[in-house]
Amino acid sequence: MAFQYLSSAHVDEELLMRLKELRTFISVEKNYPAYMVFPDKTLEEMASRFPTTLGEMESIYGVGKTKLRQYGEVFLSEILRYIEERNSVGIGDNEEAGIPQNMSSGVNDLRISVSTVSYSPIEIENFEEICRQLDYYLEFYRNAAYTPENLQQAITDKTNLNRLKKVLTVKRKEIKDTCLEPFRSVEVQFKELISMIDAPLASIAEFTEEMEQVRKDEKCAEIKLYYDQNTQALGPVAAEIFSKPWFYNKKWENKTCKEYQWKAELRDKIATVAEHLQIIKNASGPHTAAVIAKYVETGSKIEAARYLKAITDIVAMEETESLVRTLSDSVTPIAHSPETPDRPTVSPVNEPVVLHPDPVLPDPTDEALHHEYIFRIRLNEKQYQLLTTFMELSNISYEIVP
C-alpha cells in the first residue's frame, strides 16, 4: 500500500517545514524577503495538494508563469523527493509491515478508566483575613530603621520573619502532599504501563539508530566525493582538512539538509580555505609549511598569523645573538692615543654612535658630545654589513662621517 494523500484540506506539516526551509535558503541567496519567493498560503496549498507536474504546480494559488519558471522545478523536486521518501518507508502500509490492523487503528484510542473523586479547587478559605493580619504584623518591620547600634535587634527581627516564612512553607507542603496522595498510586500504574512499551521500543530504537548511522555514513561518503572533486586549489592538505571539526559540518548529514544546501556551503568553505592558504603562502616565506600546518589544525587565519609572528620573532632573536657572537670574534678594538681618555670599548644600547675613518677627538668641555662615542674601526665588507645590521636590530643610532 503506497503512501496516499486523501484530503486536500490536510496540510502535511513535515512537507510544509521542508518547503519553508527551501524558501528560506532561496531568499537568503537572493537577498530578499521569503514571502517574495512564495507566501505561506502557497506553500500550505503545495503541502496539501502535492503537485507532481509543473501543470499542477501552476494551478496553485500564488504560482504564476514567472514564479513557475523561477522556482517551479526546485519546489516540485522537493515535493517529489518527499513523496518518494515516505513511500519507501511504507507509511500507511500496516498490514504489509506486520502490524495488526486493530492495533494500528485503535492504539491511539486507548480508553483508560480511573476511579475518581470530585474535587473542587483548593483554596485558603480565610485568605483575605490572613492577608490583613499579616499586613498589620509586617507594618512594624517595614517602618523599622536599623543602625550599627541596634544590630542585635535587626538580627532578632530577621529570625522572627524567617520563622514566620517557615511556618507558611511547611503548611503549604503538607497541603500539597495531601492533595497529591490520590495520584501516587495512579502514577505507579502508568509507569508500569510505559515500561511495558520500553522493552520492544529499545530494540527497535537500536535498529533504527544503526540504520540512521548507515544513512549518515553513505551521505558523508557522497559529500567526501564531491569535496575531492572540487579541492584542487587546496593542494596536499585537502585530505586532512575535510575531517577537521572546524571544516566539516555534521548537519550536512541530516535528512533535512538538502543536496543543494550542503554543496553550496561546501563550495563556500573550500573557496575561503583556498584564499587563506594563498595568503599564508604569500606572507610566510621559508616558514610556509609550519604556518599551513597550524592553520590546518585550527582553521583560523588569525591563529596562523600569530604563529608566524612567533616564529619570526624567535628567528630574529637567534640571528641577533649569532650576529653579536660574530662581531665579538671579528672586531679588534683600536688602542686610544695618549691624549684620549679611556672610553668604553662597547657602546651602550640606544646611545648614538659616529663612525669616522680618522680619529677626531671630542672637546671635553663640549656638552653636546657628552653622550657620543667616536670610534675608528677597520672592517672588511662583510664585517661592515654585520655591524650595521646589528646596530639597526639593536635600535642604535649612528652616522657615517666622510
Protein backbone atom coordinates (compact mmCIF):
# COMPACT_ATOMS: atom_id res chain seq x y z
CA MET A 1 0.00 0.00 0.00
CA ALA A 2 1.68 3.22 -1.14
CA PHE A 3 1.64 6.47 0.79
CA GLN A 4 -1.57 8.28 -0.18
CA TYR A 5 -2.90 11.79 0.31
CA LEU A 6 -6.61 11.51 0.84
CA SER A 7 -7.69 15.03 1.69
CA SER A 8 -6.69 18.28 0.03
CA ALA A 9 -7.70 20.07 3.23
CA HIS A 10 -4.96 18.29 5.18
CA VAL A 11 -1.62 20.10 5.33
CA ASP A 12 1.37 17.80 5.74
CA GLU A 13 3.38 19.63 8.41
CA GLU A 14 6.66 17.88 7.64
CA LEU A 15 6.48 18.73 3.93
CA LEU A 16 5.44 22.29 4.80
CA MET A 17 8.51 22.64 7.01
CA ARG A 18 10.76 21.39 4.22
CA LEU A 19 9.22 23.78 1.70
CA LYS A 20 9.70 26.68 4.12
CA GLU A 21 13.35 25.71 4.60
CA LEU A 22 13.81 25.67 0.84
CA ARG A 23 12.13 29.08 0.56
CA THR A 24 14.40 30.48 3.30
CA PHE A 25 17.52 29.20 1.55
CA ILE A 26 16.49 30.78 -1.76
CA SER A 27 15.54 34.09 -0.13
CA VAL A 28 18.89 34.31 1.68
CA GLU A 29 20.74 33.51 -1.52
CA LYS A 30 18.74 36.12 -3.46
CA ASN A 31 18.90 38.61 -0.57
CA TYR A 32 15.20 39.44 -0.42
CA PRO A 33 12.28 38.56 1.90
CA ALA A 34 10.99 34.99 1.95
CA TYR A 35 7.42 35.98 1.00
CA MET A 36 8.74 37.25 -2.33
CA VAL A 37 9.57 33.65 -3.25
CA PHE A 38 6.17 32.22 -2.21
CA PRO A 39 3.79 33.31 0.56
CA ASP A 40 2.81 30.88 3.33
CA LYS A 41 -0.61 30.26 1.76
CA THR A 42 1.06 28.97 -1.43
CA LEU A 43 3.34 26.60 0.49
CA GLU A 44 0.40 25.32 2.56
CA GLU A 45 -1.53 24.54 -0.61
CA MET A 46 1.50 22.71 -2.02
CA ALA A 47 1.75 20.69 1.20
CA SER A 48 -1.91 19.68 0.93
CA ARG A 49 -2.32 19.11 -2.82
CA PHE A 50 1.10 17.54 -3.52
CA PRO A 51 1.51 18.62 -7.17
CA THR A 52 3.62 16.19 -9.23
CA THR A 53 3.84 18.12 -12.51
CA LEU A 54 4.56 21.71 -13.45
CA GLY A 55 1.00 21.96 -14.78
CA GLU A 56 -0.41 21.05 -11.36
CA MET A 57 2.08 23.41 -9.73
CA GLU A 58 0.89 26.32 -11.86
CA SER A 59 -2.72 25.82 -10.71
CA ILE A 60 -1.75 26.52 -7.09
CA TYR A 61 -2.51 29.91 -5.59
CA GLY A 62 0.40 32.34 -5.92
CA VAL A 63 2.24 30.39 -8.64
CA GLY A 64 2.18 32.39 -11.85
CA LYS A 65 4.15 31.77 -15.00
CA THR A 66 7.08 33.89 -13.80
CA LYS A 67 7.48 32.16 -10.44
CA LEU A 68 6.82 28.79 -12.05
CA ARG A 69 9.75 29.46 -14.37
CA GLN A 70 11.95 30.73 -11.50
CA TYR A 71 11.15 28.26 -8.72
CA GLY A 72 8.78 25.61 -10.08
CA GLU A 73 11.38 22.94 -10.79
CA VAL A 74 13.16 23.19 -7.44
CA PHE A 75 9.97 23.12 -5.34
CA LEU A 76 8.48 20.33 -7.45
CA SER A 77 11.67 18.28 -7.00
CA GLU A 78 11.42 18.73 -3.23
CA ILE A 79 7.78 17.54 -3.20
CA LEU A 80 8.57 14.50 -5.37
CA ARG A 81 11.56 13.63 -3.19
CA TYR A 82 9.36 13.83 -0.10
CA ILE A 83 6.71 11.55 -1.64
CA GLU A 84 9.38 9.04 -2.65
CA GLU A 85 10.89 9.01 0.85
CA ARG A 86 7.54 8.46 2.50
CA ASN A 87 6.60 5.66 0.10
CA SER A 88 9.97 3.98 0.62
CA VAL A 89 9.34 3.55 4.37
CA GLY A 90 5.80 2.23 3.76
CA ILE A 91 3.81 4.77 5.74
CA GLY A 92 0.23 3.61 5.84
CA ASP A 93 1.20 0.05 4.96
CA ASN A 94 0.48 -1.51 8.35
CA GLU A 95 -0.63 -4.93 7.12
CA GLU A 96 2.47 -5.45 4.98
CA ALA A 97 4.61 -4.33 7.91
CA GLY A 98 3.04 -6.98 10.12
CA ILE A 99 1.19 -4.55 12.37
CA PRO A 100 -2.22 -5.87 13.46
CA GLN A 101 -4.97 -3.75 11.95
CA ASN A 102 -6.82 -3.44 15.23
CA MET A 103 -3.69 -2.05 16.92
CA SER A 104 -2.89 0.45 14.16
CA SER A 105 -6.42 1.81 14.26
CA GLY A 106 -7.04 1.65 17.99
CA VAL A 107 -3.73 2.24 19.75
CA ASN A 108 -4.40 5.95 19.81
CA ASP A 109 -7.86 5.39 21.26
CA LEU A 110 -6.94 3.53 24.45
CA ARG A 111 -9.73 4.13 26.93
CA ILE A 112 -8.21 4.42 30.37
CA SER A 113 -10.73 4.39 33.17
CA VAL A 114 -9.79 5.58 36.64
CA SER A 115 -11.71 5.80 39.84
CA THR A 116 -12.11 9.46 40.66
CA VAL A 117 -13.48 11.66 43.38
CA SER A 118 -14.90 15.03 42.53
CA TYR A 119 -12.56 17.74 43.70
CA SER A 120 -13.30 21.41 43.83
CA PRO A 121 -10.42 23.90 43.56
CA ILE A 122 -8.50 24.03 46.84
CA GLU A 123 -8.31 27.45 48.43
CA ILE A 124 -7.42 29.01 51.78
CA GLU A 125 -10.86 29.85 53.00
CA ASN A 126 -9.76 32.72 55.23
CA PHE A 127 -7.12 34.02 52.81
CA GLU A 128 -8.30 37.66 52.96
CA GLU A 129 -8.32 37.63 56.74
CA ILE A 130 -4.80 36.19 56.92
CA CYS A 131 -3.59 38.82 54.43
CA ARG A 132 -4.92 41.60 56.67
CA GLN A 133 -3.35 40.09 59.79
CA LEU A 134 -0.02 39.58 58.04
CA ASP A 135 -0.05 43.10 56.62
CA TYR A 136 -0.69 44.55 60.10
CA TYR A 137 2.08 42.40 61.61
CA LEU A 138 4.63 43.39 58.89
CA GLU A 139 3.92 47.09 59.22
CA PHE A 140 6.36 47.25 62.14
CA TYR A 141 9.17 45.72 60.09
CA ARG A 142 8.52 47.91 57.04
CA ASN A 143 8.99 51.09 59.10
CA ALA A 144 11.93 49.84 61.16
CA ALA A 145 15.22 51.70 60.85
CA TYR A 146 18.46 49.94 61.70
CA THR A 147 21.83 51.36 62.72
CA PRO A 148 25.07 49.78 63.91
CA GLU A 149 23.90 50.44 67.47
CA ASN A 150 20.76 48.25 67.13
CA LEU A 151 22.34 45.48 65.05
CA GLN A 152 21.17 42.85 67.54
CA GLN A 153 17.56 43.99 67.06
CA ALA A 154 17.98 43.59 63.28
CA ILE A 155 19.24 40.03 63.80
CA THR A 156 16.25 39.23 66.03
CA ASP A 157 13.77 40.66 63.53
CA LYS A 158 15.35 38.67 60.72
CA THR A 159 15.00 35.48 62.78
CA ASN A 160 11.32 36.20 63.51
CA LEU A 161 10.47 36.79 59.85
CA ASN A 162 12.31 33.63 58.72
CA ARG A 163 10.39 31.67 61.38
CA LEU A 164 7.09 33.04 60.05
CA LYS A 165 8.08 32.22 56.50
CA LYS A 166 8.97 28.66 57.52
CA VAL A 167 5.55 28.15 59.14
CA LEU A 168 3.80 29.04 55.88
CA THR A 169 6.18 26.90 53.79
CA VAL A 170 5.67 23.82 55.97
CA LYS A 171 1.90 24.23 55.83
CA ARG A 172 2.00 24.59 52.03
CA LYS A 173 3.94 21.32 51.67
CA GLU A 174 1.54 19.50 53.99
CA ILE A 175 -1.46 20.51 51.88
CA LYS A 176 0.36 19.69 48.64
CA ASP A 177 1.23 16.17 49.85
CA THR A 178 -2.36 15.59 50.93
CA CYS A 179 -3.72 16.67 47.55
CA LEU A 180 -1.19 14.58 45.59
CA GLU A 181 -1.75 11.41 47.60
CA PRO A 182 -4.60 10.11 45.35
CA PHE A 183 -2.31 10.47 42.31
CA ARG A 184 0.57 8.43 43.69
CA SER A 185 -0.95 5.00 43.04
CA VAL A 186 -2.05 6.06 39.56
CA GLU A 187 1.47 7.26 38.82
CA VAL A 188 2.89 3.83 39.72
CA GLN A 189 0.41 2.15 37.38
CA PHE A 190 1.22 4.48 34.48
CA LYS A 191 4.94 3.85 34.95
CA GLU A 192 4.30 0.12 34.75
CA LEU A 193 2.32 0.53 31.52
CA ILE A 194 5.03 2.69 29.98
CA SER A 195 7.74 0.17 30.98
CA MET A 196 5.85 -2.50 29.01
CA ILE A 197 6.37 -0.38 25.89
CA ASP A 198 10.01 0.43 26.65
CA ALA A 199 11.33 -3.12 26.08
CA PRO A 200 10.34 -3.55 22.40
CA LEU A 201 10.86 0.17 21.83
CA ALA A 202 14.51 -0.08 22.91
CA SER A 203 15.16 -2.90 20.46
CA ILE A 204 13.51 -1.04 17.60
CA ALA A 205 15.28 2.18 18.50
CA GLU A 206 18.63 0.40 18.42
CA PHE A 207 17.93 -0.92 14.93
CA THR A 208 16.71 2.43 13.59
CA GLU A 209 19.76 4.18 15.07
CA GLU A 210 22.02 1.68 13.30
CA MET A 211 20.19 2.30 10.02
CA GLU A 212 20.39 6.04 10.58
CA GLN A 213 24.14 5.76 11.07
CA VAL A 214 24.41 3.78 7.85
CA ARG A 215 22.48 6.50 6.05
CA LYS A 216 24.74 9.21 7.52
CA ASP A 217 27.86 7.27 6.54
CA GLU A 218 26.58 6.99 2.97
CA LYS A 219 25.81 10.69 2.84
CA CYS A 220 29.22 11.51 4.30
CA ALA A 221 30.83 9.44 1.54
CA GLU A 222 28.78 11.36 -1.04
CA ILE A 223 29.91 14.68 0.46
CA LYS A 224 33.54 13.48 0.52
CA LEU A 225 33.36 12.52 -3.15
CA TYR A 226 32.04 15.96 -4.09
CA TYR A 227 34.72 17.55 -1.88
CA ASP A 228 37.52 15.59 -3.57
CA GLN A 229 36.30 16.73 -6.97
CA ASN A 230 36.48 20.41 -6.01
CA THR A 231 39.62 20.81 -3.89
CA GLN A 232 42.41 21.19 -6.44
CA ALA A 233 43.13 24.67 -5.05
CA LEU A 234 43.80 23.27 -1.56
CA GLY A 235 46.74 21.16 -2.60
CA PRO A 236 48.14 18.31 -0.49
CA VAL A 237 46.41 19.38 2.74
CA ALA A 238 42.92 18.84 1.28
CA ALA A 239 42.56 15.29 2.61
CA GLU A 240 43.46 16.36 6.14
CA ILE A 241 41.17 19.40 6.15
CA PHE A 242 37.97 17.52 5.28
CA SER A 243 37.64 15.73 8.62
CA LYS A 244 38.54 18.75 10.78
CA PRO A 245 35.67 19.81 13.10
CA TRP A 246 36.11 23.44 12.08
CA PHE A 247 35.51 22.48 8.43
CA TYR A 248 33.10 19.53 8.27
CA ASN A 249 29.56 20.38 9.38
CA LYS A 250 27.71 17.37 10.83
CA LYS A 251 24.36 18.93 9.95
CA TRP A 252 25.14 18.17 6.29
CA GLU A 253 24.34 14.53 7.13
CA ASN A 254 20.82 15.35 8.38
CA LYS A 255 17.81 14.39 6.29
CA THR A 256 16.58 17.96 6.37
CA CYS A 257 19.81 19.25 4.77
CA LYS A 258 19.25 19.15 1.04
CA GLU A 259 21.90 18.40 -1.55
CA TYR A 260 21.91 21.92 -2.97
CA GLN A 261 22.39 23.31 0.57
CA TRP A 262 25.42 21.28 1.60
CA LYS A 263 27.00 21.65 -1.84
CA ALA A 264 26.69 25.44 -1.70
CA GLU A 265 28.11 25.60 1.84
CA LEU A 266 30.92 23.22 0.94
CA ARG A 267 31.92 25.28 -2.10
CA ASP A 268 31.97 28.45 0.02
CA LYS A 269 34.16 26.82 2.65
CA ILE A 270 36.58 25.45 0.05
CA ALA A 271 36.89 28.91 -1.53
CA THR A 272 37.54 30.52 1.86
CA VAL A 273 40.21 27.98 2.81
CA ALA A 274 41.91 28.34 -0.58
CA GLU A 275 42.04 32.12 -0.11
CA HIS A 276 43.54 31.75 3.38
CA LEU A 277 46.15 29.27 2.19
CA GLN A 278 47.23 31.61 -0.59
CA ILE A 279 47.61 34.49 1.88
CA ILE A 280 49.74 32.28 4.12
CA LYS A 281 51.95 31.20 1.21
CA ASN A 282 52.50 34.81 0.16
CA ALA A 283 53.36 36.00 3.67
CA SER A 284 55.25 33.14 5.31
CA GLY A 285 58.33 32.69 3.14
CA PRO A 286 60.54 29.90 4.47
CA HIS A 287 58.04 29.21 7.30
CA THR A 288 55.13 28.40 4.95
CA ALA A 289 54.92 24.69 5.76
CA ALA A 290 54.83 25.28 9.54
CA VAL A 291 52.23 28.05 9.31
CA ILE A 292 50.00 26.00 6.99
CA ALA A 293 50.17 23.12 9.48
CA LYS A 294 48.99 25.47 12.24
CA TYR A 295 46.15 26.72 10.00
CA VAL A 296 45.03 23.17 9.18
CA GLU A 297 44.99 22.40 12.91
CA THR A 298 42.95 25.45 13.97
CA GLY A 299 41.14 26.66 10.83
CA SER A 300 41.91 30.22 11.90
CA LYS A 301 43.96 32.62 9.79
CA ILE A 302 44.36 34.80 12.90
CA GLU A 303 45.98 31.92 14.82
CA ALA A 304 48.17 31.24 11.80
CA ALA A 305 49.27 34.89 11.73
CA ARG A 306 50.12 34.79 15.44
CA TYR A 307 52.10 31.61 14.91
CA LEU A 308 54.05 33.21 12.03
CA LYS A 309 54.90 36.23 14.20
CA ALA A 310 56.12 33.97 16.99
CA ILE A 311 58.36 32.08 14.57
CA THR A 312 59.83 35.24 13.04
CA ASP A 313 60.46 36.72 16.50
CA ILE A 314 62.37 33.62 17.54
CA VAL A 315 64.40 33.57 14.32
CA ALA A 316 65.22 37.30 14.65
CA MET A 317 66.41 36.76 18.23
CA GLU A 318 68.62 33.85 17.17
CA GLU A 319 70.06 35.88 14.30
CA THR A 320 70.82 38.79 16.63
CA GLU A 321 72.62 36.52 19.09
CA SER A 322 74.60 34.98 16.25
CA LEU A 323 75.47 38.45 14.98
CA VAL A 324 76.76 39.52 18.40
CA ARG A 325 78.97 36.44 18.58
CA THR A 326 80.29 37.07 15.06
CA LEU A 327 81.08 40.70 15.83
CA SER A 328 82.86 39.86 19.04
CA ASP A 329 85.05 37.42 17.11
CA SER A 330 85.67 39.76 14.14
CA VAL A 331 86.23 43.30 15.52
CA THR A 332 89.52 44.21 17.21
CA PRO A 333 89.41 47.39 19.35
CA ILE A 334 91.81 50.23 18.35
CA ALA A 335 94.08 51.47 21.09
CA HIS A 336 93.44 55.06 22.22
CA SER A 337 96.04 57.73 21.66
CA PRO A 338 97.79 59.04 24.81
CA GLU A 339 95.77 62.27 24.67
CA THR A 340 92.43 60.42 24.61
CA PRO A 341 90.90 59.46 27.94
CA ASP A 342 89.84 55.86 28.29
CA ARG A 343 86.44 55.15 26.79
CA PRO A 344 84.23 52.06 26.86
CA THR A 345 85.01 49.51 24.18
CA VAL A 346 81.30 48.66 23.75
CA SER A 347 78.69 51.33 23.11
CA PRO A 348 75.60 51.22 25.37
CA VAL A 349 72.37 50.30 23.59
CA ASN A 350 70.37 53.29 22.37
CA GLU A 351 73.45 55.59 22.52
CA PRO A 352 74.24 57.36 19.21
CA VAL A 353 77.45 56.21 17.57
CA VAL A 354 79.51 58.10 14.96
CA LEU A 355 81.78 56.07 12.72
CA HIS A 356 84.70 58.10 11.32
CA PRO A 357 87.59 56.96 9.16
CA ASP A 358 90.02 59.22 11.09
CA PRO A 359 90.19 59.73 14.85
CA VAL A 360 88.53 63.00 15.74
CA LEU A 361 88.78 63.59 19.46
CA PRO A 362 85.94 65.48 21.19
CA ASP A 363 86.43 68.61 23.20
CA PRO A 364 85.87 67.59 26.86
CA THR A 365 84.14 70.92 27.51
CA ASP A 366 81.62 70.44 24.69
CA GLU A 367 78.36 69.35 26.38
CA ALA A 368 76.81 68.41 23.03
CA LEU A 369 79.23 65.47 22.77
CA HIS A 370 78.70 64.27 26.28
CA HIS A 371 76.86 61.06 25.23
CA GLU A 372 78.63 60.43 21.95
CA TYR A 373 81.43 57.94 21.37
CA ILE A 374 83.70 58.15 18.38
CA PHE A 375 85.39 55.05 17.04
CA ARG A 376 87.69 54.28 14.19
CA ILE A 377 87.04 50.70 13.14
CA ARG A 378 88.78 48.75 10.39
CA LEU A 379 86.31 46.35 8.78
CA ASN A 380 86.01 44.35 5.63
CA GLU A 381 82.78 44.48 3.63
CA LYS A 382 81.16 41.51 5.38
CA GLN A 383 82.03 42.82 8.82
CA TYR A 384 80.66 46.23 7.87
CA GLN A 385 77.33 44.68 6.88
CA LEU A 386 77.19 42.66 10.09
CA LEU A 387 77.92 45.70 12.24
CA THR A 388 75.33 47.96 10.61
CA THR A 389 72.73 45.17 10.76
CA PHE A 390 73.48 44.62 14.43
CA MET A 391 73.08 48.32 15.25
CA GLU A 392 69.80 48.54 13.37
CA LEU A 393 68.43 45.45 15.14
CA SER A 394 69.60 46.87 18.48
CA ASN A 395 67.99 50.25 17.77
CA ILE A 396 71.36 52.06 17.94
CA SER A 397 71.50 55.31 16.01
CA TYR A 398 74.72 56.00 14.11
CA GLU A 399 76.08 58.10 11.31
CA ILE A 400 78.96 57.62 8.91
CA VAL A 401 81.11 60.74 8.65
CA PRO A 402 83.16 61.02 5.42
